[in-house]
């Protein structure tokens, strides 16, 4: 196992409370072998970039064997490497090299569903109704004459019913299986002891190889109502006034907490420590922080912050309620502006913020709204400083440090997100934030892969090189240099990371707070410049106006 030479003390067991984690979507990060798909050796080649950026850890989206019906979130083997991405030896080398640079490694785990090509599901199809093999998944007879209707009214996140019917070995239409996502992603049955054992063994497999933690996909979805009750129009996330005892039948069921208590025991058995971050879309703060009690998960993404419009009042309310709820369970907040499932911040903030559909951060919610990308860039830069100044940890999605916009004009025939097919093209999906990164100003794939290699798996815009790492290197006004400065200051300032803040009243359109010792963050979300307090500017997201803070601009201050 590799010994860390971290920017934080190697023995710091609470590193995760303040960590800045960089998300790598491996298909889109860097292509070493020229096949058009990013790979492990591509990540290895770019580790110096990440070290210079100043991140504490990387989170790698699924790199396991997969038929790739949902870009790797349909896993056929949780304890191996997908050949498209590389080999186990290369994965182990990546972890060793990252650790040598002081960068911890977090993997993705997908416990709600497997691939339909997973040996368990293939055995379930072969074994037939009532078999022990089928008990590992959620198979049910259909409703109506001949069982021709799905067992209940649940809907897939990718469109249509959440059930698929199988053809039995004798050729007759048979049972239905639950799949809350694509047909190729059958949900496993977490009431079955084999499921617990399999995933706990997978955690140990990777922890034993030096992995520092896991991001948990669909962490709020594992347990289903035992009777598979109809949703019957029940909203989710549940409204604040939902009567006590009312639960959604397949999201945020109370039994999910027992699973994560067992997982925490697995992680705590290691020195290190090993940590978890949950993807938990539940809306209400107290439902989110229930997952963060001391014997459950360490952290969870704060999606309420991601979904908040660029307006001072809702942002302040979200920050305040988040910090209060997390403090109640002794957990740090984890701030996030984007990921592989949502519209990139530059393009999200480019839309009129008073017309953004609350709770709908995908591109679909913004289509038809006018976009001012210059405003989006100013706001995204300011939002980066805001998120990195708040108490707790933060995640940065690959490309945010370059200010990449959403690619909104990918031809329908080139889109690969299963959401597109599942909705018959009515929803154009998430491909626009997954377009392979530009590293150079020119070349056949702007440095994503070697010149002359296969075309990238998603098409890049013809001007993609203008946002590349090479184009921004050394430019003090660039996104890249802003992130480098901010992460450098954050890494060395005793006020930043985990801790507390104190709000300062600086006007209705300004978010201003101080952190001890001697740090201030001012963010102007209004239209007119606002005065800054006395102090030295450490970092600013844009030029100041005679010492005042312009609209859509943030500044970090060393306060007198």
Protein backbone atom coordinates (compact mmCIF):
# COMPACT_ATOMS: atom_id res chain seq x y z
CA UNK A 1 0.00 0.00 0.00
CA UNK A 2 1.33 3.44 -0.90
CA UNK A 3 2.42 5.93 1.73
CA UNK A 4 0.82 9.31 1.11
CA UNK A 5 2.92 12.44 0.83
CA UNK A 6 -0.05 14.74 1.15
CA UNK A 7 -0.37 18.49 1.29
CA UNK A 8 -2.31 17.65 4.44
CA UNK A 9 -0.56 15.68 7.18
CA UNK A 10 -0.34 12.00 6.31
CA UNK A 11 -1.86 11.12 9.68
CA UNK A 12 -4.80 13.53 9.31
CA UNK A 13 -7.81 11.28 9.70
CA UNK A 14 -10.21 14.17 9.01
CA UNK A 15 -8.83 15.14 5.59
CA UNK A 16 -12.24 14.56 4.02
CA UNK A 17 -13.85 17.33 6.09
CA UNK A 18 -11.98 19.99 4.07
CA UNK A 19 -10.97 18.17 0.88
CA UNK A 20 -11.30 19.59 -2.62
CA UNK A 21 -12.07 16.59 -4.83
CA UNK A 22 -11.72 16.66 -8.62
CA UNK A 23 -14.21 14.52 -10.54
CA UNK A 24 -12.85 12.57 -13.52
CA UNK A 25 -15.28 11.19 -16.07
CA UNK A 26 -12.79 8.69 -17.52
CA UNK A 27 -14.35 8.45 -20.99
CA UNK A 28 -13.86 12.19 -21.45
CA UNK A 29 -10.70 13.10 -19.55
CA UNK A 30 -7.69 11.95 -21.60
CA UNK A 31 -7.24 9.25 -24.27
CA UNK A 32 -3.79 7.69 -24.20
CA UNK A 33 -4.18 4.91 -26.78
CA UNK A 34 -6.05 6.89 -29.46
CA UNK A 35 -9.27 4.84 -29.60
CA UNK A 36 -11.46 7.90 -28.98
CA UNK A 37 -12.29 6.98 -25.37
CA UNK A 38 -10.44 8.25 -22.32
CA UNK A 39 -8.52 5.70 -20.27
CA UNK A 40 -6.49 5.07 -17.13
CA UNK A 41 -3.15 5.87 -18.74
CA UNK A 42 -4.66 9.11 -19.95
CA UNK A 43 -5.49 9.99 -16.35
CA UNK A 44 -1.97 9.05 -15.29
CA UNK A 45 -0.51 11.38 -17.91
CA UNK A 46 -2.48 14.32 -16.50
CA UNK A 47 -1.77 13.80 -12.80
CA UNK A 48 0.82 16.62 -12.85
CA UNK A 49 -1.94 18.98 -14.04
CA UNK A 50 -4.09 17.96 -11.07
CA UNK A 51 -1.22 18.28 -8.62
CA UNK A 52 -0.47 21.80 -9.89
CA UNK A 53 -4.18 22.65 -9.72
CA UNK A 54 -4.01 21.85 -6.02
CA UNK A 55 -6.76 19.26 -5.46
CA UNK A 56 -6.68 16.87 -2.52
CA UNK A 57 -8.34 13.87 -4.17
CA UNK A 58 -9.83 12.60 -7.41
CA UNK A 59 -13.16 10.82 -7.84
CA UNK A 60 -13.19 8.50 -10.84
CA UNK A 61 -16.54 7.55 -12.38
CA UNK A 62 -17.04 3.77 -12.86
CA UNK A 63 -14.09 2.00 -14.47
CA UNK A 64 -15.45 -1.54 -14.05
CA UNK A 65 -16.30 -4.00 -16.85
CA UNK A 66 -19.53 -2.86 -18.47
CA UNK A 67 -21.52 -3.16 -21.70
CA UNK A 68 -21.64 0.67 -21.52
CA UNK A 69 -25.38 1.02 -21.94
CA UNK A 70 -25.14 3.88 -19.44
CA UNK A 71 -21.48 4.90 -19.75
CA UNK A 72 -20.30 2.42 -17.13
CA UNK A 73 -23.13 2.73 -14.63
CA UNK A 74 -24.26 -0.72 -15.80
CA UNK A 75 -21.61 -2.83 -14.07
CA UNK A 76 -21.01 -6.48 -14.93
CA UNK A 77 -18.07 -7.04 -12.51
CA UNK A 78 -17.36 -4.82 -9.51
CA UNK A 79 -13.87 -6.20 -8.89
CA UNK A 80 -12.15 -5.76 -12.24
CA UNK A 81 -11.24 -3.07 -14.80
CA UNK A 82 -13.08 -2.43 -18.06
CA UNK A 83 -10.62 -3.24 -20.89
CA UNK A 84 -11.57 -0.05 -22.75
CA UNK A 85 -10.10 1.85 -19.80
CA UNK A 86 -7.05 -0.34 -19.20
CA UNK A 87 -5.82 -3.02 -16.85
CA UNK A 88 -5.70 -3.67 -13.13
CA UNK A 89 -1.95 -3.11 -13.20
CA UNK A 90 -2.50 0.33 -14.74
CA UNK A 91 -5.17 1.12 -12.15
CA UNK A 92 -2.83 0.18 -9.33
CA UNK A 93 -0.07 2.28 -10.90
CA UNK A 94 -2.48 5.23 -11.12
CA UNK A 95 -3.29 4.95 -7.42
CA UNK A 96 0.38 4.74 -6.48
CA UNK A 97 1.30 7.73 -8.64
CA UNK A 98 -1.58 9.82 -7.33
CA UNK A 99 -0.68 9.01 -3.74
CA UNK A 100 2.93 9.95 -4.39
CA UNK A 101 1.66 13.39 -5.47
CA UNK A 102 -0.48 13.74 -2.34
CA UNK A 103 -3.73 13.03 -4.21
CA UNK A 104 -6.15 10.53 -2.73
CA UNK A 105 -8.32 8.32 -4.95
CA UNK A 106 -12.09 7.87 -4.63
CA UNK A 107 -13.95 5.40 -6.83
CA UNK A 108 -17.60 5.22 -7.84
CA UNK A 109 -19.73 2.29 -6.68
CA UNK A 110 -23.14 1.48 -8.16
CA UNK A 111 -25.18 -0.50 -5.59
CA UNK A 112 -28.74 0.14 -6.78
CA UNK A 113 -28.47 -1.96 -9.94
CA UNK A 114 -26.12 -4.12 -11.98
CA UNK A 115 -25.78 -4.66 -15.70
CA UNK A 116 -28.16 -7.18 -17.25
CA UNK A 117 -24.94 -8.92 -18.32
CA UNK A 118 -23.82 -9.45 -14.72
CA UNK A 119 -23.49 -13.21 -13.99
CA UNK A 120 -26.12 -12.93 -11.29
CA UNK A 121 -28.74 -11.56 -13.66
CA UNK A 122 -27.92 -14.03 -16.38
CA UNK A 123 -28.34 -16.82 -13.81
CA UNK A 124 -31.64 -15.31 -12.73
CA UNK A 125 -32.96 -15.36 -16.29
CA UNK A 126 -31.92 -18.97 -16.75
CA UNK A 127 -33.24 -20.20 -13.39
CA UNK A 128 -36.84 -19.09 -13.78
CA UNK A 129 -39.60 -17.81 -11.47
CA UNK A 130 -39.32 -18.57 -7.76
CA UNK A 131 -35.64 -19.50 -7.94
CA UNK A 132 -32.96 -18.40 -5.43
CA UNK A 133 -31.17 -16.69 -8.33
CA UNK A 134 -34.14 -14.43 -9.06
CA UNK A 135 -34.40 -13.49 -5.39
CA UNK A 136 -31.26 -11.36 -5.74
CA UNK A 137 -33.25 -9.00 -8.00
CA UNK A 138 -36.83 -7.72 -7.88
CA UNK A 139 -38.86 -10.00 -10.12
CA UNK A 140 -42.65 -9.97 -9.93
CA UNK A 141 -45.59 -11.34 -11.89
CA UNK A 142 -47.43 -8.75 -13.93
CA UNK A 143 -50.89 -7.37 -13.30
CA UNK A 144 -53.95 -7.73 -15.49
CA UNK A 145 -54.99 -10.55 -17.84
CA UNK A 146 -52.03 -12.81 -18.54
CA UNK A 147 -49.77 -10.61 -16.40
CA UNK A 148 -49.42 -8.23 -19.31
CA UNK A 149 -49.24 -5.06 -17.20
CA UNK A 150 -46.28 -3.96 -15.04
CA UNK A 151 -46.51 -4.88 -11.35
CA UNK A 152 -47.03 -1.24 -10.29
CA UNK A 153 -46.99 2.35 -11.55
CA UNK A 154 -43.31 3.17 -10.93
CA UNK A 155 -41.57 5.13 -13.68
CA UNK A 156 -37.99 4.93 -14.94
CA UNK A 157 -35.70 7.93 -14.51
CA UNK A 158 -34.92 7.50 -18.21
CA UNK A 159 -38.56 7.51 -19.34
CA UNK A 160 -41.38 4.97 -19.47
CA UNK A 161 -42.31 2.24 -16.98
CA UNK A 162 -39.70 1.09 -14.46
CA UNK A 163 -40.35 -2.56 -15.35
CA UNK A 164 -39.21 -4.84 -18.18
CA UNK A 165 -40.75 -8.21 -19.00
CA UNK A 166 -38.61 -11.27 -19.68
CA UNK A 167 -39.20 -14.16 -22.02
CA UNK A 168 -38.94 -17.42 -20.06
CA UNK A 169 -36.91 -20.43 -21.16
CA UNK A 170 -39.97 -22.03 -22.74
CA UNK A 171 -40.56 -18.96 -24.92
CA UNK A 172 -43.58 -17.61 -23.06
CA UNK A 173 -43.84 -14.02 -21.76
CA UNK A 174 -42.80 -14.22 -18.15
CA UNK A 175 -42.14 -12.13 -15.08
CA UNK A 176 -41.21 -8.48 -14.89
CA UNK A 177 -38.05 -7.09 -13.28
CA UNK A 178 -37.62 -3.67 -11.71
CA UNK A 179 -35.19 -1.25 -13.30
CA UNK A 180 -35.51 2.33 -12.17
CA UNK A 181 -33.10 3.38 -14.90
CA UNK A 182 -32.36 1.69 -18.27
CA UNK A 183 -33.74 -1.78 -19.18
CA UNK A 184 -30.15 -3.01 -19.03
CA UNK A 185 -29.84 -1.93 -15.37
CA UNK A 186 -31.90 -4.31 -13.20
CA UNK A 187 -32.29 -3.21 -9.57
CA UNK A 188 -30.87 -5.60 -6.99
CA UNK A 189 -32.83 -6.73 -3.95
CA UNK A 190 -31.25 -5.32 -0.80
CA UNK A 191 -33.38 -7.62 1.36
CA UNK A 192 -31.17 -10.50 0.17
CA UNK A 193 -28.05 -11.36 2.22
CA UNK A 194 -26.06 -12.17 -0.92
CA UNK A 195 -26.38 -8.56 -2.06
CA UNK A 196 -24.99 -7.25 1.24
CA UNK A 197 -22.11 -9.71 1.14
CA UNK A 198 -21.23 -9.03 -2.51
CA UNK A 199 -21.00 -5.26 -2.13
CA UNK A 200 -19.18 -5.37 1.20
CA UNK A 201 -16.61 -7.70 -0.38
CA UNK A 202 -16.25 -5.29 -3.30
CA UNK A 203 -15.55 -2.44 -0.87
CA UNK A 204 -12.84 -4.50 0.82
CA UNK A 205 -11.36 -5.54 -2.54
CA UNK A 206 -10.65 -1.92 -3.47
CA UNK A 207 -9.79 -0.70 0.02
CA UNK A 208 -7.14 -3.44 0.16
CA UNK A 209 -5.63 -1.99 -3.02
CA UNK A 210 -5.28 1.48 -1.55
CA UNK A 211 -8.52 3.19 -2.60
CA UNK A 212 -9.32 6.00 -0.16
CA UNK A 213 -13.10 6.04 -0.51
CA UNK A 214 -16.21 5.73 -2.63
CA UNK A 215 -18.84 7.98 -4.10
CA UNK A 216 -22.11 6.03 -3.85
CA UNK A 217 -24.40 6.21 -6.86
CA UNK A 218 -28.15 6.64 -6.14
CA UNK A 219 -27.45 6.19 -2.43
CA UNK A 220 -31.04 7.10 -1.53
CA UNK A 221 -32.60 4.47 -3.80
CA UNK A 222 -31.40 1.07 -2.59
CA UNK A 223 -34.34 -0.01 -0.42
CA UNK A 224 -37.82 -0.41 -1.86
CA UNK A 225 -41.20 -0.65 -0.14
CA UNK A 226 -41.74 -4.32 0.70
CA UNK A 227 -45.20 -4.31 -0.83
CA UNK A 228 -44.08 -2.37 -3.94
CA UNK A 229 -46.88 0.12 -3.33
CA UNK A 230 -47.89 2.40 -6.20
CA UNK A 231 -46.40 5.89 -6.20
CA UNK A 232 -49.92 7.15 -6.94
CA UNK A 233 -48.77 10.68 -7.73
CA UNK A 234 -46.66 11.13 -4.59
CA UNK A 235 -44.07 13.85 -5.25
CA UNK A 236 -40.36 13.38 -4.70
CA UNK A 237 -38.51 14.98 -3.06
CA UNK A 238 -41.34 14.92 -0.53
CA UNK A 239 -42.69 18.41 0.27
CA UNK A 240 -41.79 19.95 3.64
CA UNK A 241 -45.36 19.54 4.88
CA UNK A 242 -45.51 15.79 4.19
CA UNK A 243 -47.23 14.09 7.17
CA UNK A 244 -45.02 12.05 9.47
CA UNK A 245 -44.86 8.41 8.42
CA UNK A 246 -45.47 9.02 4.71
CA UNK A 247 -42.59 7.61 2.68
CA UNK A 248 -41.93 7.40 -1.03
CA UNK A 249 -42.04 3.71 -2.04
CA UNK A 250 -38.65 3.61 -3.78
CA UNK A 251 -36.68 6.73 -2.79
CA UNK A 252 -35.19 7.48 0.63
CA UNK A 253 -36.77 4.51 2.40
CA UNK A 254 -35.77 4.34 6.11
CA UNK A 255 -34.17 0.91 5.70
CA UNK A 256 -31.36 2.33 3.59
CA UNK A 257 -29.62 3.60 6.71
CA UNK A 258 -28.94 0.08 7.98
CA UNK A 259 -26.98 -0.62 4.77
CA UNK A 260 -24.70 2.34 5.28
CA UNK A 261 -24.12 1.53 8.94
CA UNK A 262 -22.73 -1.81 7.78
CA UNK A 263 -20.62 -0.08 5.12
CA UNK A 264 -19.25 2.38 7.68
CA UNK A 265 -18.15 -0.55 9.83
CA UNK A 266 -16.27 -1.96 6.83
CA UNK A 267 -14.54 1.37 6.18
CA UNK A 268 -13.71 1.97 9.84
CA UNK A 269 -11.89 -1.36 10.03
CA UNK A 270 -9.10 0.21 7.90
CA UNK A 271 -6.40 2.62 8.95
CA UNK A 272 -6.39 5.73 6.90
CA UNK A 273 -9.39 6.38 6.96
CA UNK A 274 -11.64 5.17 4.13
CA UNK A 275 -14.53 7.55 3.38
CA UNK A 276 -17.90 7.69 1.61
CA UNK A 277 -19.72 10.45 -0.26
CA UNK A 278 -23.37 9.84 -1.12
CA UNK A 279 -25.24 10.93 -4.22
CA UNK A 280 -28.45 11.69 -2.35
CA UNK A 281 -31.24 13.65 -4.03
CA UNK A 282 -33.78 14.10 -1.21
CA UNK A 283 -34.45 17.84 -1.12
CA UNK A 284 -35.04 18.42 2.59
CA UNK A 285 -31.94 19.12 4.68
CA UNK A 286 -32.88 16.88 7.58
CA UNK A 287 -33.46 13.93 5.25
CA UNK A 288 -30.02 14.48 3.71
CA UNK A 289 -28.14 14.78 6.98
CA UNK A 290 -29.82 11.63 8.33
CA UNK A 291 -27.32 9.83 6.07
CA UNK A 292 -24.45 11.69 7.73
CA UNK A 293 -24.86 10.59 11.31
CA UNK A 294 -21.56 9.49 12.87
CA UNK A 295 -22.09 5.79 12.10
CA UNK A 296 -23.19 6.27 8.47
CA UNK A 297 -21.69 8.18 5.53
CA UNK A 298 -18.97 10.79 5.94
CA UNK A 299 -20.27 13.29 3.35
CA UNK A 300 -22.98 13.86 0.75
CA UNK A 301 -23.28 16.22 -2.18
CA UNK A 302 -25.20 19.38 -1.42
CA UNK A 303 -27.49 19.45 -4.44
CA UNK A 304 -29.70 22.19 -2.98
CA UNK A 305 -26.74 24.53 -3.42
CA UNK A 306 -26.15 23.34 -7.00
CA UNK A 307 -29.80 23.95 -7.87
CA UNK A 308 -30.06 27.39 -6.28
CA UNK A 309 -30.37 30.28 -8.77
CA UNK A 310 -27.73 33.00 -8.87
CA UNK A 311 -29.72 35.23 -6.54
CA UNK A 312 -28.54 36.39 -3.13
CA UNK A 313 -31.54 35.49 -0.99
CA UNK A 314 -32.06 31.86 -2.07
CA UNK A 315 -28.31 31.21 -2.04
CA UNK A 316 -27.93 32.58 1.48
CA UNK A 317 -30.95 30.61 2.69
CA UNK A 318 -29.52 27.42 1.17
CA UNK A 319 -26.09 27.96 2.72
CA UNK A 320 -27.52 28.80 6.14
CA UNK A 321 -29.89 25.84 6.28
CA UNK A 322 -27.21 23.48 4.96
CA UNK A 323 -24.69 24.47 7.61
CA UNK A 324 -27.24 24.24 10.42
CA UNK A 325 -28.46 20.81 9.37
CA UNK A 326 -24.93 19.43 8.97
CA UNK A 327 -23.82 20.87 12.31
CA UNK A 328 -26.66 19.01 14.02
CA UNK A 329 -25.04 15.67 13.09
CA UNK A 330 -21.42 16.81 13.27
CA UNK A 331 -20.83 16.43 9.53
CA UNK A 332 -19.12 18.82 7.11
CA UNK A 333 -21.04 20.25 4.16
CA UNK A 334 -19.87 19.27 0.67
CA UNK A 335 -20.38 21.98 -1.95
CA UNK A 336 -20.78 21.18 -5.63
CA UNK A 337 -21.50 23.30 -8.73
CA UNK A 338 -21.70 20.59 -11.38
CA UNK A 339 -21.12 16.97 -12.30
CA UNK A 340 -21.62 14.53 -15.18
CA UNK A 341 -25.42 14.62 -14.80
CA UNK A 342 -26.20 18.35 -14.89
CA UNK A 343 -25.78 21.37 -17.15
CA UNK A 344 -22.36 22.99 -16.77
CA UNK A 345 -22.35 26.06 -14.49
CA UNK A 346 -21.29 28.53 -17.21
CA UNK A 347 -24.36 27.69 -19.28
CA UNK A 348 -26.68 27.30 -16.29
CA UNK A 349 -25.78 30.71 -14.90
CA UNK A 350 -26.04 32.23 -18.39
CA UNK A 351 -29.83 31.95 -18.27
CA UNK A 352 -32.15 34.47 -16.56
CA UNK A 353 -31.94 33.29 -12.97
CA UNK A 354 -35.47 34.34 -12.05
CA UNK A 355 -36.78 31.98 -14.75
CA UNK A 356 -34.65 28.94 -14.00
CA UNK A 357 -36.79 25.96 -13.17
CA UNK A 358 -36.04 25.20 -9.52
CA UNK A 359 -34.90 21.63 -8.98
CA UNK A 360 -34.12 20.98 -12.65
CA UNK A 361 -30.38 21.43 -13.15
CA UNK A 362 -30.12 19.48 -16.42
CA UNK A 363 -29.89 21.28 -19.74
CA UNK A 364 -33.51 20.31 -20.45
CA UNK A 365 -34.71 22.83 -17.87
CA UNK A 366 -32.96 25.69 -19.67
CA UNK A 367 -33.79 25.05 -23.31
CA UNK A 368 -35.63 27.98 -24.80
CA UNK A 369 -34.28 30.48 -22.30
CA UNK A 370 -31.95 33.15 -23.71
CA UNK A 371 -28.29 32.65 -22.79
CA UNK A 372 -25.70 35.32 -22.01
CA UNK A 373 -22.49 33.28 -21.84
CA UNK A 374 -20.38 36.26 -20.80
CA UNK A 375 -22.61 36.68 -17.75
CA UNK A 376 -22.50 32.92 -17.23
CA UNK A 377 -18.72 32.97 -17.13
CA UNK A 378 -18.59 35.87 -14.65
CA UNK A 379 -21.08 34.13 -12.39
CA UNK A 380 -19.37 30.75 -12.66
CA UNK A 381 -16.05 32.33 -11.64
CA UNK A 382 -17.69 34.05 -8.68
CA UNK A 383 -19.57 30.87 -7.74
CA UNK A 384 -16.27 28.97 -7.70
CA UNK A 385 -14.81 31.37 -5.13
CA UNK A 386 -18.02 31.24 -3.10
CA UNK A 387 -18.11 27.45 -2.97
CA UNK A 388 -14.40 27.14 -2.14
CA UNK A 389 -14.71 29.67 0.70
CA UNK A 390 -17.63 27.98 2.46
CA UNK A 391 -17.08 25.69 5.46
CA UNK A 392 -16.50 22.05 4.54
CA UNK A 393 -15.30 20.33 1.38
CA UNK A 394 -15.94 20.87 -2.32
CA UNK A 395 -16.03 18.94 -5.59
CA UNK A 396 -14.84 20.27 -8.95
CA UNK A 397 -16.07 18.51 -12.11
CA UNK A 398 -13.38 18.13 -14.79
CA UNK A 399 -13.60 21.15 -17.10
CA UNK A 400 -14.98 23.55 -14.51
CA UNK A 401 -11.42 24.79 -13.95
CA UNK A 402 -11.43 25.67 -17.67
CA UNK A 403 -14.84 27.35 -17.65
CA UNK A 404 -16.19 24.91 -20.23
CA UNK A 405 -19.74 25.65 -21.38
CA UNK A 406 -22.37 23.01 -22.00
CA UNK A 407 -22.21 21.74 -25.58
CA UNK A 408 -25.82 22.25 -26.57
CA UNK A 409 -25.75 21.48 -30.30
CA UNK A 410 -24.67 17.82 -30.34
CA UNK A 411 -26.65 16.19 -33.16
CA UNK A 412 -29.37 13.88 -31.90
CA UNK A 413 -27.84 10.94 -33.75
CA UNK A 414 -24.51 11.49 -31.96
CA UNK A 415 -25.99 11.59 -28.47
CA UNK A 416 -25.39 8.47 -26.40
CA UNK A 417 -27.18 9.11 -23.11
CA UNK A 418 -29.86 6.38 -22.62
CA UNK A 419 -32.19 9.15 -21.49
CA UNK A 420 -32.43 10.23 -25.14
CA UNK A 421 -33.65 6.83 -26.35
CA UNK A 422 -35.83 6.31 -23.28
CA UNK A 423 -37.78 9.50 -23.99
CA UNK A 424 -37.82 9.15 -27.77
CA UNK A 425 -35.60 12.22 -28.07
CA UNK A 426 -37.91 14.42 -25.99
CA UNK A 427 -35.10 14.81 -23.44
CA UNK A 428 -31.71 15.43 -25.03
CA UNK A 429 -29.90 14.04 -22.00
CA UNK A 430 -26.59 14.73 -20.32
CA UNK A 431 -24.04 14.37 -23.10
CA UNK A 432 -23.42 18.12 -23.33
CA UNK A 433 -21.46 18.18 -20.08
CA UNK A 434 -19.54 14.99 -20.98
CA UNK A 435 -17.80 16.15 -24.17
CA UNK A 436 -14.08 15.20 -24.04
CA UNK A 437 -11.81 17.85 -22.56
CA UNK A 438 -9.57 20.12 -24.67
CA UNK A 439 -5.95 20.16 -23.57
CA UNK A 440 -4.34 21.94 -26.55
CA UNK A 441 -5.38 24.77 -28.82
CA UNK A 442 -5.39 22.64 -31.96
CA UNK A 443 -5.00 19.06 -33.17
CA UNK A 444 -7.55 16.49 -34.25
CA UNK A 445 -9.01 16.19 -30.73
CA UNK A 446 -7.49 19.27 -29.05
CA UNK A 447 -5.07 17.06 -27.11
CA UNK A 448 -7.71 14.73 -25.71
CA UNK A 449 -6.07 11.92 -27.70
CA UNK A 450 -3.04 11.61 -29.95
CA UNK A 451 -3.23 13.37 -33.32
CA UNK A 452 -4.52 11.00 -35.96
CA UNK A 453 -6.29 8.81 -33.43
CA UNK A 454 -9.96 7.89 -33.55
CA UNK A 455 -12.50 10.68 -33.24
CA UNK A 456 -13.59 11.35 -29.65
CA UNK A 457 -16.63 9.33 -28.52
CA UNK A 458 -18.66 12.57 -28.43
CA UNK A 459 -18.02 15.34 -30.97
CA UNK A 460 -16.09 18.40 -29.78
CA UNK A 461 -17.03 21.90 -30.98
CA UNK A 462 -14.74 23.30 -33.68
CA UNK A 463 -13.59 26.12 -31.35
CA UNK A 464 -13.04 23.83 -28.35
CA UNK A 465 -9.32 24.68 -28.27
CA UNK A 466 -10.00 28.23 -27.10
CA UNK A 467 -10.98 26.82 -23.69
CA UNK A 468 -8.06 24.37 -23.46
CA UNK A 469 -5.49 24.11 -20.70
CA UNK A 470 -2.78 25.26 -23.12
CA UNK A 471 -4.78 28.35 -24.12
CA UNK A 472 -5.27 29.37 -20.48
CA UNK A 473 -1.83 28.53 -19.13
CA UNK A 474 -0.21 31.62 -17.64
CA UNK A 475 -3.12 33.97 -18.44
CA UNK A 476 -3.96 35.66 -15.13
CA UNK A 477 -7.50 36.37 -16.34
CA UNK A 478 -8.25 32.73 -17.21
CA UNK A 479 -10.45 30.25 -15.35
CA UNK A 480 -7.46 27.93 -14.94
CA UNK A 481 -5.27 30.45 -13.20
CA UNK A 482 -8.21 31.59 -11.02
CA UNK A 483 -8.70 28.02 -9.78
CA UNK A 484 -4.97 27.58 -9.20
CA UNK A 485 -4.77 30.78 -7.16
CA UNK A 486 -7.89 29.98 -5.17
CA UNK A 487 -6.83 26.42 -4.35
CA UNK A 488 -3.35 27.60 -3.40
CA UNK A 489 -4.78 30.17 -0.99
CA UNK A 490 -7.31 27.67 0.36
CA UNK A 491 -4.62 25.07 0.96
CA UNK A 492 -2.53 27.43 3.04
CA UNK A 493 -5.07 29.61 4.85
CA UNK A 494 -6.02 28.46 8.36
CA UNK A 495 -9.54 29.91 8.06
CA UNK A 496 -10.53 27.81 5.05
CA UNK A 497 -11.85 24.27 4.84
CA UNK A 498 -13.87 22.89 7.74
CA UNK A 499 -15.15 25.33 10.36
CA UNK A 500 -17.72 28.09 10.72
CA UNK A 501 -18.66 31.42 9.17
CA UNK A 502 -20.25 34.66 10.33
CA UNK A 503 -22.54 36.54 7.95
CA UNK A 504 -21.95 40.25 7.34
CA UNK A 505 -24.81 42.54 6.31
CA UNK A 506 -23.50 44.16 3.12
CA UNK A 507 -26.80 44.78 1.33
CA UNK A 508 -29.62 42.66 -0.13
CA UNK A 509 -27.68 41.64 -3.27
CA UNK A 510 -24.41 40.77 -1.54
CA UNK A 511 -23.31 37.58 0.15
CA UNK A 512 -20.59 38.50 2.64
CA UNK A 513 -19.12 36.48 5.46
CA UNK A 514 -16.01 36.23 7.57
CA UNK A 515 -14.08 33.22 8.78
CA UNK A 516 -11.49 33.17 11.51
CA UNK A 517 -8.69 33.99 11.52
CA UNK A 518 -8.86 37.08 9.37
CA UNK A 519 -10.65 35.96 6.19
CA UNK A 520 -13.56 37.51 4.33
CA UNK A 521 -15.54 36.54 1.24
CA UNK A 522 -17.69 39.12 -0.58
CA UNK A 523 -19.90 38.13 -3.54
CA UNK A 524 -21.88 40.74 -5.50
CA UNK A 525 -25.00 39.24 -7.10
CA UNK A 526 -26.53 42.63 -7.89
CA UNK A 527 -26.09 45.01 -10.81
CA UNK A 528 -24.06 47.84 -9.23
CA UNK A 529 -20.56 47.85 -7.71
CA UNK A 530 -20.43 47.53 -3.93
CA UNK A 531 -17.72 48.73 -1.52
CA UNK A 532 -15.29 46.25 0.00
CA UNK A 533 -14.11 46.43 3.60
CA UNK A 534 -10.56 47.38 4.47
CA UNK A 535 -8.21 44.53 3.79
CA UNK A 536 -5.89 42.95 1.25
CA UNK A 537 -7.42 41.16 -1.74
CA UNK A 538 -6.21 37.57 -1.85
CA UNK A 539 -8.13 36.46 -4.93
CA UNK A 540 -10.85 38.09 -7.04
CA UNK A 541 -12.95 36.45 -9.72
CA UNK A 542 -12.67 39.54 -11.94
CA UNK A 543 -11.20 43.06 -12.04
CA UNK A 544 -12.25 45.40 -9.27
CA UNK A 545 -13.74 48.84 -10.02
CA UNK A 546 -11.66 51.43 -8.14
CA UNK A 547 -11.57 49.16 -5.12
CA UNK A 548 -15.26 48.27 -5.35
CA UNK A 549 -16.68 44.86 -6.24
CA UNK A 550 -18.48 44.83 -9.63
CA UNK A 551 -21.61 42.85 -10.42
CA UNK A 552 -21.28 39.05 -10.59
CA UNK A 553 -17.87 39.18 -8.96
CA UNK A 554 -16.41 37.63 -5.80
CA UNK A 555 -13.35 38.51 -3.75
CA UNK A 556 -11.41 36.87 -0.93
CA UNK A 557 -9.91 39.28 1.56
CA UNK A 558 -7.30 39.22 4.30
CA UNK A 559 -9.11 41.41 6.80
CA UNK A 560 -7.49 43.99 9.05
